Amino acid sequence: MYCEEGEPIYVISVVARMLKTHPQTLRHYERLGLIQPSRSLGRIRLYSARDVARLQLIQRLVSDLGVNLAGVEVIMHLTERLTELEREVAETRQRVHAELERVRRNRADTD
């Protein structure tokens, strides 16, 4: 199954098999706000490849690193915030470079 952008989407039973976990675990993660799958018109949970990658990260944090779900929530929030800040820095850097280029052109025009 594919979404409008051509990205594959999976129902909960398929994702549970892919991750070797129980669907109830995925529902629990959703209740905690760790994952937010989209829904079909019939309210069926639909997981994107990005959702599956996020769930794999959650599994690694819990299973491999022994992080509890509250810790996972904090880590996921901080990771998202860091990504936002990196995007903001990149945008600011682009604006600064554009402004510097404008100033250089103005100087060259006045010389």
N, C-alpha and C. Protein backbone atom coordinates (compact mmCIF):
# COMPACT_ATOMS: atom_id res chain seq x y z
N MET A 1 0.85 -1.16 0.00
CA MET A 1 0.00 0.00 0.00
C MET A 1 0.90 1.23 0.00
N TYR A 2 0.49 2.30 -0.68
CA TYR A 2 1.29 3.51 -0.80
C TYR A 2 0.45 4.73 -0.51
N CYS A 3 1.08 5.76 0.05
CA CYS A 3 0.39 7.02 0.27
C CYS A 3 0.44 7.85 -1.01
N GLU A 4 -0.12 9.03 -0.97
CA GLU A 4 -0.20 9.88 -2.15
C GLU A 4 1.18 10.21 -2.72
N GLU A 5 2.18 10.38 -1.89
CA GLU A 5 3.52 10.74 -2.35
C GLU A 5 4.30 9.53 -2.84
N GLY A 6 3.69 8.36 -2.86
CA GLY A 6 4.36 7.16 -3.32
C GLY A 6 5.15 6.45 -2.24
N GLU A 7 5.08 6.97 -1.03
CA GLU A 7 5.78 6.35 0.10
C GLU A 7 4.97 5.16 0.59
N PRO A 8 5.63 4.02 0.86
CA PRO A 8 4.86 2.87 1.35
C PRO A 8 4.25 3.15 2.72
N ILE A 9 3.09 2.58 2.94
CA ILE A 9 2.44 2.66 4.25
C ILE A 9 2.05 1.26 4.67
N TYR A 10 2.03 1.04 5.95
CA TYR A 10 1.80 -0.29 6.50
C TYR A 10 0.73 -0.24 7.57
N VAL A 11 -0.05 -1.29 7.66
CA VAL A 11 -1.02 -1.41 8.74
C VAL A 11 -0.30 -1.96 9.97
N ILE A 12 -0.94 -1.86 11.10
CA ILE A 12 -0.31 -2.18 12.38
C ILE A 12 0.20 -3.63 12.45
N SER A 13 -0.54 -4.57 11.88
CA SER A 13 -0.11 -5.97 11.95
C SER A 13 1.19 -6.18 11.17
N VAL A 14 1.34 -5.50 10.06
CA VAL A 14 2.56 -5.63 9.26
C VAL A 14 3.74 -5.01 10.00
N VAL A 15 3.54 -3.84 10.58
CA VAL A 15 4.60 -3.17 11.32
C VAL A 15 5.00 -4.01 12.53
N ALA A 16 4.03 -4.58 13.21
CA ALA A 16 4.33 -5.42 14.38
C ALA A 16 5.19 -6.61 13.95
N ARG A 17 4.87 -7.22 12.82
CA ARG A 17 5.69 -8.34 12.33
C ARG A 17 7.08 -7.85 11.94
N MET A 18 7.15 -6.71 11.28
CA MET A 18 8.45 -6.18 10.86
C MET A 18 9.35 -5.94 12.06
N LEU A 19 8.77 -5.45 13.15
CA LEU A 19 9.54 -5.10 14.34
C LEU A 19 9.59 -6.23 15.36
N LYS A 20 8.91 -7.33 15.04
CA LYS A 20 8.87 -8.48 15.95
C LYS A 20 8.38 -8.06 17.33
N THR A 21 7.25 -7.36 17.32
CA THR A 21 6.64 -6.91 18.56
C THR A 21 5.13 -7.12 18.46
N HIS A 22 4.44 -6.88 19.52
CA HIS A 22 2.99 -7.07 19.54
C HIS A 22 2.30 -5.77 19.13
N PRO A 23 1.21 -5.85 18.38
CA PRO A 23 0.48 -4.63 18.02
C PRO A 23 0.10 -3.78 19.24
N GLN A 24 -0.17 -4.43 20.36
CA GLN A 24 -0.53 -3.69 21.57
C GLN A 24 0.61 -2.77 22.01
N THR A 25 1.85 -3.20 21.79
CA THR A 25 3.00 -2.36 22.12
C THR A 25 2.97 -1.09 21.28
N LEU A 26 2.64 -1.23 20.00
CA LEU A 26 2.57 -0.07 19.12
C LEU A 26 1.44 0.86 19.55
N ARG A 27 0.32 0.27 19.96
CA ARG A 27 -0.79 1.09 20.45
C ARG A 27 -0.39 1.84 21.73
N HIS A 28 0.37 1.15 22.58
CA HIS A 28 0.85 1.76 23.82
C HIS A 28 1.76 2.95 23.51
N TYR A 29 2.69 2.77 22.57
CA TYR A 29 3.58 3.86 22.17
C TYR A 29 2.76 5.04 21.64
N GLU A 30 1.70 4.73 20.93
CA GLU A 30 0.84 5.80 20.41
C GLU A 30 0.14 6.54 21.55
N ARG A 31 -0.38 5.79 22.52
CA ARG A 31 -1.04 6.43 23.66
C ARG A 31 -0.08 7.34 24.42
N LEU A 32 1.20 6.96 24.47
CA LEU A 32 2.20 7.76 25.16
C LEU A 32 2.65 8.96 24.31
N GLY A 33 2.25 8.99 23.07
CA GLY A 33 2.63 10.09 22.18
C GLY A 33 3.99 9.91 21.53
N LEU A 34 4.56 8.71 21.62
CA LEU A 34 5.86 8.45 21.02
C LEU A 34 5.77 8.30 19.50
N ILE A 35 4.60 7.93 19.02
CA ILE A 35 4.38 7.73 17.59
C ILE A 35 2.97 8.20 17.26
N GLN A 36 2.80 8.73 16.07
CA GLN A 36 1.48 9.22 15.66
C GLN A 36 1.20 8.75 14.23
N PRO A 37 0.79 7.52 14.08
CA PRO A 37 0.49 7.05 12.72
C PRO A 37 -0.70 7.80 12.15
N SER A 38 -0.73 7.89 10.84
CA SER A 38 -1.91 8.50 10.22
C SER A 38 -3.05 7.49 10.29
N ARG A 39 -4.22 7.89 9.89
CA ARG A 39 -5.39 7.02 9.93
C ARG A 39 -6.08 7.02 8.57
N SER A 40 -6.63 5.87 8.22
CA SER A 40 -7.43 5.78 7.01
C SER A 40 -8.82 6.32 7.32
N LEU A 41 -9.63 6.41 6.30
CA LEU A 41 -11.01 6.86 6.52
C LEU A 41 -11.75 5.94 7.48
N GLY A 42 -11.38 4.67 7.48
CA GLY A 42 -11.98 3.71 8.41
C GLY A 42 -11.28 3.67 9.76
N ARG A 43 -10.40 4.65 10.03
CA ARG A 43 -9.68 4.80 11.30
C ARG A 43 -8.61 3.72 11.53
N ILE A 44 -8.18 3.06 10.47
CA ILE A 44 -7.11 2.07 10.58
C ILE A 44 -5.78 2.81 10.66
N ARG A 45 -4.93 2.38 11.59
CA ARG A 45 -3.61 3.01 11.73
C ARG A 45 -2.77 2.70 10.50
N LEU A 46 -2.13 3.74 9.97
CA LEU A 46 -1.27 3.59 8.81
C LEU A 46 0.11 4.16 9.15
N TYR A 47 1.13 3.31 9.04
CA TYR A 47 2.49 3.68 9.41
C TYR A 47 3.33 3.92 8.16
N SER A 48 4.03 5.04 8.13
CA SER A 48 4.93 5.34 7.03
C SER A 48 6.30 4.71 7.31
N ALA A 49 7.16 4.77 6.32
CA ALA A 49 8.53 4.29 6.52
C ALA A 49 9.22 5.11 7.61
N ARG A 50 8.91 6.40 7.69
CA ARG A 50 9.47 7.26 8.74
C ARG A 50 8.97 6.80 10.12
N ASP A 51 7.70 6.42 10.21
CA ASP A 51 7.15 5.91 11.47
C ASP A 51 7.87 4.63 11.88
N VAL A 52 8.11 3.75 10.91
CA VAL A 52 8.79 2.48 11.20
C VAL A 52 10.20 2.76 11.69
N ALA A 53 10.91 3.68 11.05
CA ALA A 53 12.26 4.04 11.50
C ALA A 53 12.23 4.59 12.92
N ARG A 54 11.24 5.41 13.22
CA ARG A 54 11.10 5.96 14.57
C ARG A 54 10.86 4.83 15.58
N LEU A 55 10.01 3.90 15.22
CA LEU A 55 9.74 2.76 16.10
C LEU A 55 10.98 1.90 16.29
N GLN A 56 11.79 1.75 15.26
CA GLN A 56 13.04 1.00 15.40
C GLN A 56 13.97 1.71 16.37
N LEU A 57 14.02 3.03 16.31
CA LEU A 57 14.84 3.79 17.24
C LEU A 57 14.33 3.60 18.67
N ILE A 58 13.02 3.67 18.84
CA ILE A 58 12.44 3.45 20.17
C ILE A 58 12.83 2.06 20.69
N GLN A 59 12.72 1.06 19.83
CA GLN A 59 13.09 -0.30 20.24
C GLN A 59 14.55 -0.37 20.66
N ARG A 60 15.44 0.27 19.89
CA ARG A 60 16.87 0.25 20.24
C ARG A 60 17.12 0.93 21.58
N LEU A 61 16.45 2.06 21.80
CA LEU A 61 16.64 2.76 23.07
C LEU A 61 16.19 1.90 24.25
N VAL A 62 15.05 1.24 24.08
CA VAL A 62 14.50 0.43 25.17
C VAL A 62 15.29 -0.87 25.33
N SER A 63 15.46 -1.61 24.24
CA SER A 63 16.07 -2.95 24.32
C SER A 63 17.58 -2.91 24.50
N ASP A 64 18.25 -2.15 23.66
CA ASP A 64 19.71 -2.17 23.66
C ASP A 64 20.32 -1.28 24.74
N LEU A 65 19.67 -0.15 25.00
CA LEU A 65 20.25 0.81 25.94
C LEU A 65 19.56 0.83 27.30
N GLY A 66 18.44 0.13 27.42
CA GLY A 66 17.75 0.04 28.70
C GLY A 66 17.05 1.32 29.13
N VAL A 67 16.73 2.18 28.17
CA VAL A 67 16.05 3.43 28.49
C VAL A 67 14.58 3.14 28.75
N ASN A 68 14.01 3.73 29.79
CA ASN A 68 12.58 3.53 30.03
C ASN A 68 11.79 4.45 29.10
N LEU A 69 10.48 4.25 29.02
CA LEU A 69 9.67 4.99 28.06
C LEU A 69 9.64 6.49 28.35
N ALA A 70 9.74 6.87 29.61
CA ALA A 70 9.81 8.30 29.93
C ALA A 70 11.11 8.88 29.37
N GLY A 71 12.18 8.14 29.49
CA GLY A 71 13.46 8.57 28.93
C GLY A 71 13.43 8.63 27.41
N VAL A 72 12.76 7.65 26.82
CA VAL A 72 12.60 7.65 25.36
C VAL A 72 11.88 8.91 24.92
N GLU A 73 10.84 9.27 25.65
CA GLU A 73 10.08 10.47 25.31
C GLU A 73 10.97 11.72 25.35
N VAL A 74 11.79 11.83 26.38
CA VAL A 74 12.69 12.97 26.51
C VAL A 74 13.72 12.97 25.36
N ILE A 75 14.30 11.82 25.08
CA ILE A 75 15.29 11.71 24.01
C ILE A 75 14.68 12.07 22.67
N MET A 76 13.48 11.56 22.40
CA MET A 76 12.83 11.85 21.12
C MET A 76 12.51 13.34 21.00
N HIS A 77 12.04 13.93 22.08
CA HIS A 77 11.73 15.37 22.06
C HIS A 77 13.00 16.19 21.82
N LEU A 78 14.08 15.85 22.53
CA LEU A 78 15.32 16.59 22.36
C LEU A 78 15.90 16.41 20.96
N THR A 79 15.76 15.22 20.41
CA THR A 79 16.24 14.96 19.05
C THR A 79 15.46 15.79 18.04
N GLU A 80 14.14 15.86 18.21
CA GLU A 80 13.31 16.68 17.32
C GLU A 80 13.68 18.15 17.44
N ARG A 81 13.89 18.62 18.67
CA ARG A 81 14.25 20.02 18.89
C ARG A 81 15.61 20.33 18.26
N LEU A 82 16.56 19.41 18.41
CA LEU A 82 17.87 19.59 17.81
C LEU A 82 17.77 19.70 16.29
N THR A 83 16.93 18.88 15.69
CA THR A 83 16.72 18.93 14.24
C THR A 83 16.13 20.28 13.84
N GLU A 84 15.16 20.76 14.61
CA GLU A 84 14.57 22.08 14.34
C GLU A 84 15.64 23.18 14.43
N LEU A 85 16.46 23.13 15.47
CA LEU A 85 17.49 24.14 15.64
C LEU A 85 18.53 24.09 14.52
N GLU A 86 18.88 22.88 14.09
CA GLU A 86 19.82 22.75 12.97
C GLU A 86 19.24 23.37 11.70
N ARG A 87 17.95 23.18 11.48
CA ARG A 87 17.28 23.77 10.32
C ARG A 87 17.29 25.29 10.42
N GLU A 88 16.98 25.80 11.61
CA GLU A 88 16.99 27.25 11.82
C GLU A 88 18.37 27.84 11.60
N VAL A 89 19.41 27.17 12.08
CA VAL A 89 20.78 27.64 11.89
C VAL A 89 21.13 27.66 10.41
N ALA A 90 20.74 26.62 9.68
CA ALA A 90 21.02 26.57 8.25
C ALA A 90 20.31 27.72 7.52
N GLU A 91 19.06 27.98 7.88
CA GLU A 91 18.33 29.09 7.26
C GLU A 91 18.98 30.43 7.59
N THR A 92 19.38 30.60 8.84
CA THR A 92 20.03 31.84 9.24
C THR A 92 21.35 32.01 8.50
N ARG A 93 22.10 30.94 8.37
CA ARG A 93 23.38 30.97 7.65
C ARG A 93 23.15 31.40 6.20
N GLN A 94 22.10 30.86 5.57
CA GLN A 94 21.80 31.24 4.19
C GLN A 94 21.45 32.73 4.09
N ARG A 95 20.66 33.23 5.03
CA ARG A 95 20.31 34.66 5.02
C ARG A 95 21.54 35.53 5.21
N VAL A 96 22.42 35.14 6.13
CA VAL A 96 23.63 35.91 6.38
C VAL A 96 24.51 35.92 5.13
N HIS A 97 24.69 34.77 4.50
CA HIS A 97 25.50 34.71 3.29
C HIS A 97 24.89 35.57 2.18
N ALA A 98 23.58 35.52 2.05
CA ALA A 98 22.91 36.34 1.03
C ALA A 98 23.11 37.82 1.32
N GLU A 99 23.01 38.21 2.59
CA GLU A 99 23.20 39.61 2.96
C GLU A 99 24.65 40.03 2.73
N LEU A 100 25.59 39.19 3.07
CA LEU A 100 27.00 39.50 2.82
C LEU A 100 27.26 39.68 1.32
N GLU A 101 26.68 38.83 0.53
CA GLU A 101 26.84 38.93 -0.92
C GLU A 101 26.24 40.24 -1.44
N ARG A 102 25.10 40.62 -0.89
CA ARG A 102 24.45 41.88 -1.29
C ARG A 102 25.35 43.07 -0.93
N VAL A 103 25.92 43.03 0.28
CA VAL A 103 26.81 44.11 0.71
C VAL A 103 28.04 44.17 -0.18
N ARG A 104 28.63 43.02 -0.49
CA ARG A 104 29.80 42.98 -1.39
C ARG A 104 29.48 43.57 -2.76
N ARG A 105 28.33 43.20 -3.30
CA ARG A 105 27.92 43.75 -4.61
C ARG A 105 27.75 45.26 -4.54
N ASN A 106 27.11 45.74 -3.46
CA ASN A 106 26.93 47.19 -3.29
C ASN A 106 28.27 47.91 -3.20
N ARG A 107 29.21 47.33 -2.48
CA ARG A 107 30.54 47.93 -2.35
C ARG A 107 31.24 47.96 -3.71
N ALA A 108 31.13 46.86 -4.45
CA ALA A 108 31.77 46.79 -5.76
C ALA A 108 31.15 47.81 -6.71
N ASP A 109 29.85 48.04 -6.59
CA ASP A 109 29.17 49.01 -7.45
C ASP A 109 29.58 50.45 -7.12
N THR A 110 29.91 50.71 -5.85
CA THR A 110 30.26 52.07 -5.44
C THR A 110 31.75 52.37 -5.65
N ASP A 111 32.54 51.35 -5.80
CA ASP A 111 34.00 51.54 -5.99
C ASP A 111 34.34 51.96 -7.38
